Amino acid sequence: IALFHGARAIGGLYLRDALDALEARSPLVRCTPCVSGPDVPPGIANGRVVDIAFDRHRDLRGWAMFVCGLPEMVHEARARAVLAGVE
């Protein structure tokens, strides 16, 4: 499971402790917090969550994908997922 959680500012990343604990308990889970605005602390990916996720996972054949968020971001992610091989 690759979970990408994005926000404009660090304060928008909710449930960070719970997601960190989940990742620590399971070698099958990888959580990547992403901040697209300024003032990105160390350990947080810097940039738009859609760009970061698709840069790290270019071939998604055989994957399932679940997306939520702003409608424009969801639409972009769906289009990019199809191009990357998600059925």
N, C-alpha and C. Protein backbone atom coordinates (compact mmCIF):
# COMPACT_ATOMS: atom_id res chain seq x y z
N ILE A 1 0.86 -1.17 0.00
CA ILE A 1 0.00 0.00 0.00
C ILE A 1 0.90 1.22 0.00
N ALA A 2 0.70 2.06 -0.99
CA ALA A 2 1.42 3.33 -1.06
C ALA A 2 0.39 4.44 -0.86
N LEU A 3 0.48 5.12 0.27
CA LEU A 3 -0.46 6.18 0.59
C LEU A 3 0.25 7.52 0.48
N PHE A 4 -0.28 8.39 -0.33
CA PHE A 4 0.24 9.75 -0.49
C PHE A 4 -0.79 10.70 0.06
N HIS A 5 -0.38 11.51 1.02
CA HIS A 5 -1.29 12.44 1.71
C HIS A 5 -0.74 13.84 1.47
N GLY A 6 -1.53 14.67 0.79
CA GLY A 6 -1.04 15.99 0.42
C GLY A 6 -1.85 17.12 1.01
N ALA A 7 -1.17 18.25 1.21
CA ALA A 7 -1.80 19.47 1.68
C ALA A 7 -0.94 20.65 1.24
N ARG A 8 -1.52 21.81 1.24
CA ARG A 8 -0.75 23.02 0.90
C ARG A 8 0.22 23.38 2.01
N ALA A 9 -0.19 23.18 3.27
CA ALA A 9 0.65 23.51 4.42
C ALA A 9 0.73 22.31 5.36
N ILE A 10 1.76 22.26 6.16
CA ILE A 10 1.99 21.13 7.06
C ILE A 10 0.80 20.90 7.99
N GLY A 11 0.10 21.96 8.39
CA GLY A 11 -1.05 21.82 9.27
C GLY A 11 -2.22 21.09 8.64
N GLY A 12 -2.23 20.96 7.32
CA GLY A 12 -3.30 20.25 6.64
C GLY A 12 -3.11 18.75 6.59
N LEU A 13 -1.97 18.27 7.06
CA LEU A 13 -1.71 16.83 7.07
C LEU A 13 -2.22 16.25 8.39
N TYR A 14 -3.44 15.76 8.39
CA TYR A 14 -4.05 15.23 9.60
C TYR A 14 -3.70 13.76 9.78
N LEU A 15 -3.87 13.26 10.97
CA LEU A 15 -3.62 11.85 11.34
C LEU A 15 -2.18 11.40 11.08
N ARG A 16 -1.24 12.32 11.15
CA ARG A 16 0.15 11.94 10.86
C ARG A 16 0.67 10.89 11.83
N ASP A 17 0.39 11.05 13.12
CA ASP A 17 0.87 10.06 14.10
C ASP A 17 0.29 8.68 13.82
N ALA A 18 -0.99 8.62 13.51
CA ALA A 18 -1.63 7.33 13.22
C ALA A 18 -1.05 6.70 11.95
N LEU A 19 -0.81 7.51 10.93
CA LEU A 19 -0.25 6.97 9.69
C LEU A 19 1.20 6.53 9.89
N ASP A 20 1.97 7.29 10.67
CA ASP A 20 3.35 6.88 10.99
C ASP A 20 3.35 5.56 11.75
N ALA A 21 2.43 5.40 12.70
CA ALA A 21 2.35 4.16 13.48
C ALA A 21 1.95 2.98 12.59
N LEU A 22 1.02 3.21 11.68
CA LEU A 22 0.61 2.16 10.75
C LEU A 22 1.79 1.72 9.88
N GLU A 23 2.52 2.68 9.37
CA GLU A 23 3.69 2.36 8.55
C GLU A 23 4.74 1.61 9.35
N ALA A 24 4.95 1.98 10.61
CA ALA A 24 5.94 1.32 11.45
C ALA A 24 5.56 -0.13 11.76
N ARG A 25 4.25 -0.40 11.85
CA ARG A 25 3.77 -1.75 12.17
C ARG A 25 3.76 -2.68 10.97
N SER A 26 3.67 -2.14 9.77
CA SER A 26 3.49 -3.01 8.61
C SER A 26 4.51 -2.71 7.51
N PRO A 27 5.28 -3.70 7.12
CA PRO A 27 6.22 -3.49 6.01
C PRO A 27 5.50 -3.34 4.67
N LEU A 28 4.19 -3.59 4.65
CA LEU A 28 3.42 -3.49 3.40
C LEU A 28 2.84 -2.10 3.17
N VAL A 29 3.04 -1.18 4.12
CA VAL A 29 2.46 0.16 4.03
C VAL A 29 3.58 1.18 3.97
N ARG A 30 3.46 2.08 3.00
CA ARG A 30 4.40 3.19 2.87
C ARG A 30 3.59 4.47 2.75
N CYS A 31 3.73 5.36 3.74
CA CYS A 31 3.01 6.63 3.76
C CYS A 31 3.95 7.77 3.38
N THR A 32 3.52 8.62 2.47
CA THR A 32 4.32 9.75 2.04
C THR A 32 3.52 11.03 2.22
N PRO A 33 3.86 11.83 3.27
CA PRO A 33 3.22 13.13 3.41
C PRO A 33 3.84 14.11 2.42
N CYS A 34 2.98 14.94 1.82
CA CYS A 34 3.43 15.89 0.79
C CYS A 34 2.87 17.27 1.09
N VAL A 35 3.72 18.29 0.98
CA VAL A 35 3.29 19.68 1.17
C VAL A 35 3.68 20.46 -0.08
N SER A 36 2.71 21.15 -0.66
CA SER A 36 2.97 21.87 -1.91
C SER A 36 3.32 23.34 -1.69
N GLY A 37 3.07 23.87 -0.51
CA GLY A 37 3.36 25.28 -0.25
C GLY A 37 4.77 25.47 0.28
N PRO A 38 5.05 26.68 0.73
CA PRO A 38 6.38 26.97 1.29
C PRO A 38 6.54 26.35 2.68
N ASP A 39 7.72 26.44 3.21
CA ASP A 39 8.02 25.98 4.58
C ASP A 39 7.75 24.49 4.75
N VAL A 40 8.42 23.69 3.94
CA VAL A 40 8.27 22.24 4.02
C VAL A 40 9.36 21.70 4.96
N PRO A 41 8.95 21.06 6.07
CA PRO A 41 9.94 20.55 7.01
C PRO A 41 10.66 19.31 6.47
N PRO A 42 11.80 18.99 7.05
CA PRO A 42 12.52 17.77 6.65
C PRO A 42 11.64 16.54 6.84
N GLY A 43 11.79 15.57 5.94
CA GLY A 43 11.03 14.34 6.02
C GLY A 43 9.68 14.40 5.34
N ILE A 44 9.33 15.55 4.79
CA ILE A 44 8.07 15.73 4.08
C ILE A 44 8.39 15.97 2.61
N ALA A 45 7.70 15.28 1.71
CA ALA A 45 7.92 15.48 0.28
C ALA A 45 7.43 16.87 -0.11
N ASN A 46 8.20 17.55 -0.94
CA ASN A 46 7.89 18.91 -1.34
C ASN A 46 7.34 18.92 -2.76
N GLY A 47 6.06 19.29 -2.90
CA GLY A 47 5.44 19.37 -4.21
C GLY A 47 4.00 18.92 -4.17
N ARG A 48 3.38 18.94 -5.34
CA ARG A 48 1.98 18.51 -5.47
C ARG A 48 1.90 17.00 -5.29
N VAL A 49 0.94 16.55 -4.51
CA VAL A 49 0.81 15.13 -4.19
C VAL A 49 0.65 14.28 -5.45
N VAL A 50 -0.08 14.76 -6.45
CA VAL A 50 -0.27 13.99 -7.68
C VAL A 50 1.06 13.82 -8.40
N ASP A 51 1.84 14.88 -8.49
CA ASP A 51 3.14 14.79 -9.16
C ASP A 51 4.08 13.84 -8.44
N ILE A 52 4.13 13.94 -7.13
CA ILE A 52 5.02 13.08 -6.34
C ILE A 52 4.61 11.62 -6.49
N ALA A 53 3.33 11.33 -6.35
CA ALA A 53 2.87 9.94 -6.44
C ALA A 53 3.18 9.33 -7.80
N PHE A 54 2.90 10.06 -8.88
CA PHE A 54 3.12 9.48 -10.22
C PHE A 54 4.59 9.51 -10.62
N ASP A 55 5.40 10.37 -10.05
CA ASP A 55 6.84 10.30 -10.29
C ASP A 55 7.43 9.04 -9.65
N ARG A 56 6.89 8.65 -8.53
CA ARG A 56 7.41 7.47 -7.82
C ARG A 56 6.82 6.16 -8.31
N HIS A 57 5.66 6.23 -8.94
CA HIS A 57 4.99 5.02 -9.42
C HIS A 57 4.54 5.25 -10.87
N ARG A 58 5.43 4.99 -11.79
CA ARG A 58 5.15 5.27 -13.21
C ARG A 58 4.37 4.16 -13.89
N ASP A 59 4.57 2.92 -13.48
CA ASP A 59 3.86 1.78 -14.09
C ASP A 59 2.90 1.22 -13.05
N LEU A 60 1.63 1.44 -13.25
CA LEU A 60 0.61 1.01 -12.29
C LEU A 60 -0.25 -0.13 -12.81
N ARG A 61 0.24 -0.86 -13.81
CA ARG A 61 -0.51 -2.03 -14.28
C ARG A 61 -0.67 -3.01 -13.13
N GLY A 62 -1.90 -3.47 -12.92
CA GLY A 62 -2.19 -4.41 -11.85
C GLY A 62 -2.48 -3.76 -10.50
N TRP A 63 -2.40 -2.46 -10.42
CA TRP A 63 -2.67 -1.75 -9.17
C TRP A 63 -4.13 -1.30 -9.14
N ALA A 64 -4.65 -1.15 -7.93
CA ALA A 64 -5.93 -0.46 -7.70
C ALA A 64 -5.57 0.89 -7.10
N MET A 65 -6.39 1.88 -7.38
CA MET A 65 -6.08 3.22 -6.89
C MET A 65 -7.34 3.87 -6.36
N PHE A 66 -7.22 4.50 -5.20
CA PHE A 66 -8.31 5.23 -4.58
C PHE A 66 -7.85 6.66 -4.39
N VAL A 67 -8.65 7.62 -4.83
CA VAL A 67 -8.27 9.03 -4.79
C VAL A 67 -9.40 9.83 -4.15
N CYS A 68 -9.03 10.76 -3.29
CA CYS A 68 -10.02 11.69 -2.76
C CYS A 68 -9.36 13.05 -2.61
N GLY A 69 -10.18 14.07 -2.60
CA GLY A 69 -9.67 15.43 -2.47
C GLY A 69 -10.44 16.39 -3.34
N LEU A 70 -9.79 17.48 -3.68
CA LEU A 70 -10.42 18.48 -4.54
C LEU A 70 -10.76 17.86 -5.89
N PRO A 71 -11.92 18.20 -6.43
CA PRO A 71 -12.35 17.58 -7.70
C PRO A 71 -11.32 17.72 -8.82
N GLU A 72 -10.66 18.85 -8.93
CA GLU A 72 -9.67 19.03 -10.00
C GLU A 72 -8.50 18.07 -9.83
N MET A 73 -8.05 17.86 -8.59
CA MET A 73 -6.95 16.95 -8.32
C MET A 73 -7.37 15.51 -8.60
N VAL A 74 -8.58 15.15 -8.20
CA VAL A 74 -9.08 13.79 -8.44
C VAL A 74 -9.17 13.52 -9.94
N HIS A 75 -9.69 14.48 -10.69
CA HIS A 75 -9.80 14.33 -12.15
C HIS A 75 -8.41 14.13 -12.77
N GLU A 76 -7.45 14.95 -12.37
CA GLU A 76 -6.09 14.82 -12.90
C GLU A 76 -5.49 13.46 -12.54
N ALA A 77 -5.66 13.03 -11.28
CA ALA A 77 -5.11 11.76 -10.85
C ALA A 77 -5.73 10.59 -11.61
N ARG A 78 -7.04 10.65 -11.85
CA ARG A 78 -7.70 9.58 -12.60
C ARG A 78 -7.14 9.49 -14.01
N ALA A 79 -6.97 10.62 -14.67
CA ALA A 79 -6.44 10.63 -16.05
C ALA A 79 -5.01 10.08 -16.06
N ARG A 80 -4.19 10.51 -15.11
CA ARG A 80 -2.81 10.03 -15.06
C ARG A 80 -2.75 8.55 -14.71
N ALA A 81 -3.68 8.08 -13.88
CA ALA A 81 -3.71 6.66 -13.51
C ALA A 81 -4.00 5.79 -14.73
N VAL A 82 -4.94 6.19 -15.53
CA VAL A 82 -5.25 5.44 -16.75
C VAL A 82 -4.02 5.37 -17.66
N LEU A 83 -3.35 6.49 -17.83
CA LEU A 83 -2.14 6.52 -18.66
C LEU A 83 -1.04 5.65 -18.08
N ALA A 84 -1.02 5.48 -16.75
CA ALA A 84 -0.01 4.67 -16.09
C ALA A 84 -0.37 3.19 -16.02
N GLY A 85 -1.60 2.84 -16.50
CA GLY A 85 -1.95 1.43 -16.58
C GLY A 85 -3.03 0.94 -15.64
N VAL A 86 -3.58 1.81 -14.80
CA VAL A 86 -4.67 1.39 -13.92
C VAL A 86 -5.91 1.17 -14.77
N GLU A 87 -6.59 0.05 -14.56
CA GLU A 87 -7.80 -0.25 -15.33
C GLU A 87 -9.01 0.42 -14.74
